[in-house]
Amino acid sequence: MILAFEVGGAVIAAGLLGLFVFGLRRRLIQRPGGTFDCSLRLAPAEGADPPTSGGGTPSGKGWVYGVARYNGDRVEWFRVFSYAPRPRRVLLRPAIEVLGRRDPQGSEELALLSDAVVLTCVHRGDRLELAMSDDALTGFLAWLEAAPPGQRVNVA
């Protein structure tokens, strides 16, 4: 009986420690500032059919909720539900080409934050979609266009 309480207490303590570390990681990512909520999904290659739901609208599959942080000429993207201290993806400003923007459609509306706008981009040959609030999108596009002189910026 005492062993069951000790094991139960250890499991609860481990769970609380995990939640604490999870929150601490988020706080450390946001500490330097310049962060915004940003979901990411790899987009299908050009010419390939996008993942769709039964009605032909884009599906909500593949979206990963994250936090992006500006760091000089890069945007570092971190998964929210992870313990990894390093960014999962790094986007370099000169390598980002914006192809277009759209509102979430179909089941995407359920997979993304309520005020999200989807931005389709190419980064070093990889097509990806970023979903962020309208305010974050304005900041992101301004950051792209504020490249130092001589750098190529591709904003559609």
C-alpha atoms as a PDB file:
ATOM      1  CA  MET A   1       0.000   0.000   0.000  1.00  0.00           C
ATOM      2  CA  ILE A   2       2.783   2.422   0.892  1.00  0.00           C
ATOM      3  CA  LEU A   3       4.613   1.424  -2.275  1.00  0.00           C
ATOM      4  CA  ALA A   4       1.530   2.392  -4.331  1.00  0.00           C
ATOM      5  CA  PHE A   5       1.495   5.866  -2.719  1.00  0.00           C
ATOM      6  CA  GLU A   6       5.206   6.303  -3.380  1.00  0.00           C
ATOM      7  CA  VAL A   7       4.847   5.276  -7.024  1.00  0.00           C
ATOM      8  CA  GLY A   8       1.757   7.470  -7.451  1.00  0.00           C
ATOM      9  CA  GLY A   9       3.568  10.411  -5.855  1.00  0.00           C
ATOM     10  CA  ALA A  10       6.588   9.883  -8.119  1.00  0.00           C
ATOM     11  CA  VAL A  11       4.359   9.816 -11.221  1.00  0.00           C
ATOM     12  CA  ILE A  12       2.595  13.024 -10.152  1.00  0.00           C
ATOM     13  CA  ALA A  13       5.938  14.702  -9.355  1.00  0.00           C
ATOM     14  CA  ALA A  14       7.341  13.674 -12.755  1.00  0.00           C
ATOM     15  CA  GLY A  15       4.239  15.043 -14.494  1.00  0.00           C
ATOM     16  CA  LEU A  16       4.477  18.352 -12.665  1.00  0.00           C
ATOM     17  CA  LEU A  17       8.192  18.601 -13.436  1.00  0.00           C
ATOM     18  CA  GLY A  18       7.472  17.944 -17.115  1.00  0.00           C
ATOM     19  CA  LEU A  19       4.855  20.709 -17.190  1.00  0.00           C
ATOM     20  CA  PHE A  20       7.242  23.089 -15.428  1.00  0.00           C
ATOM     21  CA  VAL A  21      10.060  22.401 -17.920  1.00  0.00           C
ATOM     22  CA  PHE A  22       7.568  22.763 -20.789  1.00  0.00           C
ATOM     23  CA  GLY A  23       6.522  26.227 -19.525  1.00  0.00           C
ATOM     24  CA  LEU A  24      10.116  27.244 -18.796  1.00  0.00           C
ATOM     25  CA  ARG A  25      11.139  26.385 -22.369  1.00  0.00           C
ATOM     26  CA  ARG A  26       8.374  28.565 -23.786  1.00  0.00           C
ATOM     27  CA  ARG A  27       9.406  31.426 -21.509  1.00  0.00           C
ATOM     28  CA  LEU A  28      13.056  31.133 -22.585  1.00  0.00           C
ATOM     29  CA  ILE A  29      12.088  31.143 -26.273  1.00  0.00           C
ATOM     30  CA  GLN A  30      10.019  34.303 -25.829  1.00  0.00           C
ATOM     31  CA  ARG A  31      12.472  36.072 -23.528  1.00  0.00           C
ATOM     32  CA  PRO A  32      14.508  37.932 -26.186  1.00  0.00           C
ATOM     33  CA  GLY A  33      11.291  39.279 -27.737  1.00  0.00           C
ATOM     34  CA  GLY A  34      10.248  39.361 -31.370  1.00  0.00           C
ATOM     35  CA  THR A  35       8.116  36.222 -31.137  1.00  0.00           C
ATOM     36  CA  PHE A  36       4.735  35.418 -32.672  1.00  0.00           C
ATOM     37  CA  ASP A  37       2.441  32.405 -32.873  1.00  0.00           C
ATOM     38  CA  CYS A  38       2.949  30.679 -36.200  1.00  0.00           C
ATOM     39  CA  SER A  39       1.686  27.312 -37.429  1.00  0.00           C
ATOM     40  CA  LEU A  40       3.715  25.613 -40.160  1.00  0.00           C
ATOM     41  CA  ARG A  41       2.992  22.934 -42.728  1.00  0.00           C
ATOM     42  CA  LEU A  42       5.028  21.625 -45.622  1.00  0.00           C
ATOM     43  CA  ALA A  43       3.095  22.379 -48.797  1.00  0.00           C
ATOM     44  CA  PRO A  44       2.872  19.961 -51.711  1.00  0.00           C
ATOM     45  CA  ALA A  45       5.293  20.483 -54.577  1.00  0.00           C
ATOM     46  CA  GLU A  46       4.151  22.791 -57.346  1.00  0.00           C
ATOM     47  CA  GLY A  47       1.828  20.970 -59.693  1.00  0.00           C
ATOM     48  CA  ALA A  48       0.949  18.323 -57.061  1.00  0.00           C
ATOM     49  CA  ASP A  49      -2.547  18.160 -55.668  1.00  0.00           C
ATOM     50  CA  PRO A  50      -2.841  19.743 -52.200  1.00  0.00           C
ATOM     51  CA  PRO A  51      -4.279  17.600 -49.398  1.00  0.00           C
ATOM     52  CA  THR A  52      -8.006  18.169 -49.518  1.00  0.00           C
ATOM     53  CA  SER A  53     -11.072  17.163 -47.597  1.00  0.00           C
ATOM     54  CA  GLY A  54     -14.019  15.584 -49.390  1.00  0.00           C
ATOM     55  CA  GLY A  55     -15.271  18.925 -50.765  1.00  0.00           C
ATOM     56  CA  GLY A  56     -12.029  19.849 -52.547  1.00  0.00           C
ATOM     57  CA  THR A  57     -11.017  22.467 -49.958  1.00  0.00           C
ATOM     58  CA  PRO A  58      -7.581  22.273 -48.282  1.00  0.00           C
ATOM     59  CA  SER A  59      -7.578  19.908 -45.318  1.00  0.00           C
ATOM     60  CA  GLY A  60      -6.362  20.780 -41.859  1.00  0.00           C
ATOM     61  CA  LYS A  61      -3.858  17.900 -41.873  1.00  0.00           C
ATOM     62  CA  GLY A  62      -0.169  18.543 -41.429  1.00  0.00           C
ATOM     63  CA  TRP A  63      -0.350  21.812 -39.508  1.00  0.00           C
ATOM     64  CA  VAL A  64       2.013  22.042 -36.536  1.00  0.00           C
ATOM     65  CA  TYR A  65       1.436  24.764 -33.955  1.00  0.00           C
ATOM     66  CA  GLY A  66       4.555  26.740 -33.135  1.00  0.00           C
ATOM     67  CA  VAL A  67       6.222  29.946 -32.077  1.00  0.00           C
ATOM     68  CA  ALA A  68       8.492  31.889 -34.424  1.00  0.00           C
ATOM     69  CA  ARG A  69      11.202  34.282 -33.299  1.00  0.00           C
ATOM     70  CA  TYR A  70      13.066  36.933 -35.274  1.00  0.00           C
ATOM     71  CA  ASN A  71      16.830  36.658 -34.891  1.00  0.00           C
ATOM     72  CA  GLY A  72      18.672  39.051 -37.202  1.00  0.00           C
ATOM     73  CA  ASP A  73      18.239  37.824 -40.780  1.00  0.00           C
ATOM     74  CA  ARG A  74      16.519  34.610 -39.711  1.00  0.00           C
ATOM     75  CA  VAL A  75      13.224  33.461 -38.343  1.00  0.00           C
ATOM     76  CA  GLU A  76      13.581  30.544 -35.948  1.00  0.00           C
ATOM     77  CA  TRP A  77      10.504  28.327 -35.686  1.00  0.00           C
ATOM     78  CA  PHE A  78       9.926  26.196 -32.574  1.00  0.00           C
ATOM     79  CA  ARG A  79       7.245  23.541 -32.109  1.00  0.00           C
ATOM     80  CA  VAL A  80       5.076  24.463 -29.143  1.00  0.00           C
ATOM     81  CA  PHE A  81       4.572  20.897 -27.956  1.00  0.00           C
ATOM     82  CA  SER A  82       8.225  19.918 -27.663  1.00  0.00           C
ATOM     83  CA  TYR A  83      11.042  19.984 -25.128  1.00  0.00           C
ATOM     84  CA  ALA A  84      13.742  20.659 -27.778  1.00  0.00           C
ATOM     85  CA  PRO A  85      15.787  23.779 -26.964  1.00  0.00           C
ATOM     86  CA  ARG A  86      16.707  24.409 -30.602  1.00  0.00           C
ATOM     87  CA  PRO A  87      14.432  25.623 -33.396  1.00  0.00           C
ATOM     88  CA  ARG A  88      12.872  22.943 -35.572  1.00  0.00           C
ATOM     89  CA  ARG A  89      13.259  25.084 -38.699  1.00  0.00           C
ATOM     90  CA  VAL A  90      15.281  28.208 -39.507  1.00  0.00           C
ATOM     91  CA  LEU A  91      14.156  30.466 -42.348  1.00  0.00           C
ATOM     92  CA  LEU A  92      16.780  32.817 -43.788  1.00  0.00           C
ATOM     93  CA  ARG A  93      15.449  36.153 -45.030  1.00  0.00           C
ATOM     94  CA  PRO A  94      17.257  36.159 -48.411  1.00  0.00           C
ATOM     95  CA  ALA A  95      16.025  32.595 -49.131  1.00  0.00           C
ATOM     96  CA  ILE A  96      12.301  33.226 -48.486  1.00  0.00           C
ATOM     97  CA  GLU A  97      10.069  33.771 -51.497  1.00  0.00           C
ATOM     98  CA  VAL A  98       6.430  34.585 -50.782  1.00  0.00           C
ATOM     99  CA  LEU A  99       4.062  33.087 -53.366  1.00  0.00           C
ATOM    100  CA  GLY A 100       0.750  34.297 -51.966  1.00  0.00           C
ATOM    101  CA  ARG A 101      -1.652  34.527 -49.076  1.00  0.00           C
ATOM    102  CA  ARG A 102      -5.132  33.193 -48.413  1.00  0.00           C
ATOM    103  CA  ASP A 103      -7.660  32.636 -45.659  1.00  0.00           C
ATOM    104  CA  PRO A 104      -7.960  29.167 -44.100  1.00  0.00           C
ATOM    105  CA  GLN A 105     -10.522  27.006 -45.856  1.00  0.00           C
ATOM    106  CA  GLY A 106     -12.563  23.998 -44.831  1.00  0.00           C
ATOM    107  CA  SER A 107     -11.149  22.002 -41.943  1.00  0.00           C
ATOM    108  CA  GLU A 108      -8.107  24.299 -41.823  1.00  0.00           C
ATOM    109  CA  GLU A 109     -10.290  26.728 -39.907  1.00  0.00           C
ATOM    110  CA  LEU A 110     -10.471  24.170 -37.090  1.00  0.00           C
ATOM    111  CA  ALA A 111      -6.752  23.305 -37.205  1.00  0.00           C
ATOM    112  CA  LEU A 112      -5.520  26.916 -37.021  1.00  0.00           C
ATOM    113  CA  LEU A 113      -5.989  29.836 -34.663  1.00  0.00           C
ATOM    114  CA  SER A 114      -9.198  31.781 -35.260  1.00  0.00           C
ATOM    115  CA  ASP A 115      -7.668  34.884 -36.876  1.00  0.00           C
ATOM    116  CA  ALA A 116      -5.018  33.100 -38.970  1.00  0.00           C
ATOM    117  CA  VAL A 117      -3.925  34.016 -42.477  1.00  0.00           C
ATOM    118  CA  VAL A 118      -2.054  31.395 -44.539  1.00  0.00           C
ATOM    119  CA  LEU A 119       1.104  32.514 -46.338  1.00  0.00           C
ATOM    120  CA  THR A 120       2.533  30.193 -49.020  1.00  0.00           C
ATOM    121  CA  CYS A 121       6.322  30.445 -49.344  1.00  0.00           C
ATOM    122  CA  VAL A 122       9.339  28.767 -50.859  1.00  0.00           C
ATOM    123  CA  HIS A 123      12.473  28.490 -48.738  1.00  0.00           C
ATOM    124  CA  ARG A 124      15.518  26.933 -50.378  1.00  0.00           C
ATOM    125  CA  GLY A 125      13.367  24.858 -52.701  1.00  0.00           C
ATOM    126  CA  ASP A 126      10.929  23.683 -50.002  1.00  0.00           C
ATOM    127  CA  ARG A 127       7.331  24.851 -50.347  1.00  0.00           C
ATOM    128  CA  LEU A 128       5.773  25.589 -46.986  1.00  0.00           C
ATOM    129  CA  GLU A 129       2.787  27.344 -45.544  1.00  0.00           C
ATOM    130  CA  LEU A 130       2.865  29.611 -42.512  1.00  0.00           C
ATOM    131  CA  ALA A 131      -0.315  30.499 -40.652  1.00  0.00           C
ATOM    132  CA  MET A 132      -0.247  33.549 -38.417  1.00  0.00           C
ATOM    133  CA  SER A 133      -2.455  36.390 -37.263  1.00  0.00           C
ATOM    134  CA  ASP A 134      -2.977  39.370 -39.538  1.00  0.00           C
ATOM    135  CA  ASP A 135      -0.835  41.550 -37.247  1.00  0.00           C
ATOM    136  CA  ALA A 136       1.981  38.977 -37.259  1.00  0.00           C
ATOM    137  CA  LEU A 137       1.705  38.758 -41.057  1.00  0.00           C
ATOM    138  CA  THR A 138       2.114  42.521 -41.362  1.00  0.00           C
ATOM    139  CA  GLY A 139       5.224  42.349 -39.175  1.00  0.00           C
ATOM    140  CA  PHE A 140       6.617  39.362 -41.083  1.00  0.00           C
ATOM    141  CA  LEU A 141       6.183  41.044 -44.483  1.00  0.00           C
ATOM    142  CA  ALA A 142       7.702  44.278 -43.140  1.00  0.00           C
ATOM    143  CA  TRP A 143      10.670  42.261 -41.798  1.00  0.00           C
ATOM    144  CA  LEU A 144      11.101  40.629 -45.228  1.00  0.00           C
ATOM    145  CA  GLU A 145      11.013  43.965 -47.040  1.00  0.00           C
ATOM    146  CA  ALA A 146      13.415  45.566 -44.547  1.00  0.00           C
ATOM    147  CA  ALA A 147      16.314  43.508 -45.864  1.00  0.00           C
ATOM    148  CA  PRO A 148      19.649  45.329 -46.011  1.00  0.00           C
ATOM    149  CA  PRO A 149      20.517  46.942 -49.355  1.00  0.00           C
ATOM    150  CA  GLY A 150      21.695  44.471 -51.957  1.00  0.00           C
ATOM    151  CA  GLN A 151      19.637  41.539 -50.701  1.00  0.00           C
ATOM    152  CA  ARG A 152      16.977  40.109 -52.985  1.00  0.00           C
ATOM    153  CA  VAL A 153      13.478  40.052 -51.464  1.00  0.00           C
ATOM    154  CA  ASN A 154      10.632  38.171 -53.130  1.00  0.00           C
ATOM    155  CA  VAL A 155       7.239  39.240 -51.850  1.00  0.00           C
ATOM    156  CA  ALA A 156       4.218  38.609 -54.049  1.00  0.00           C
END
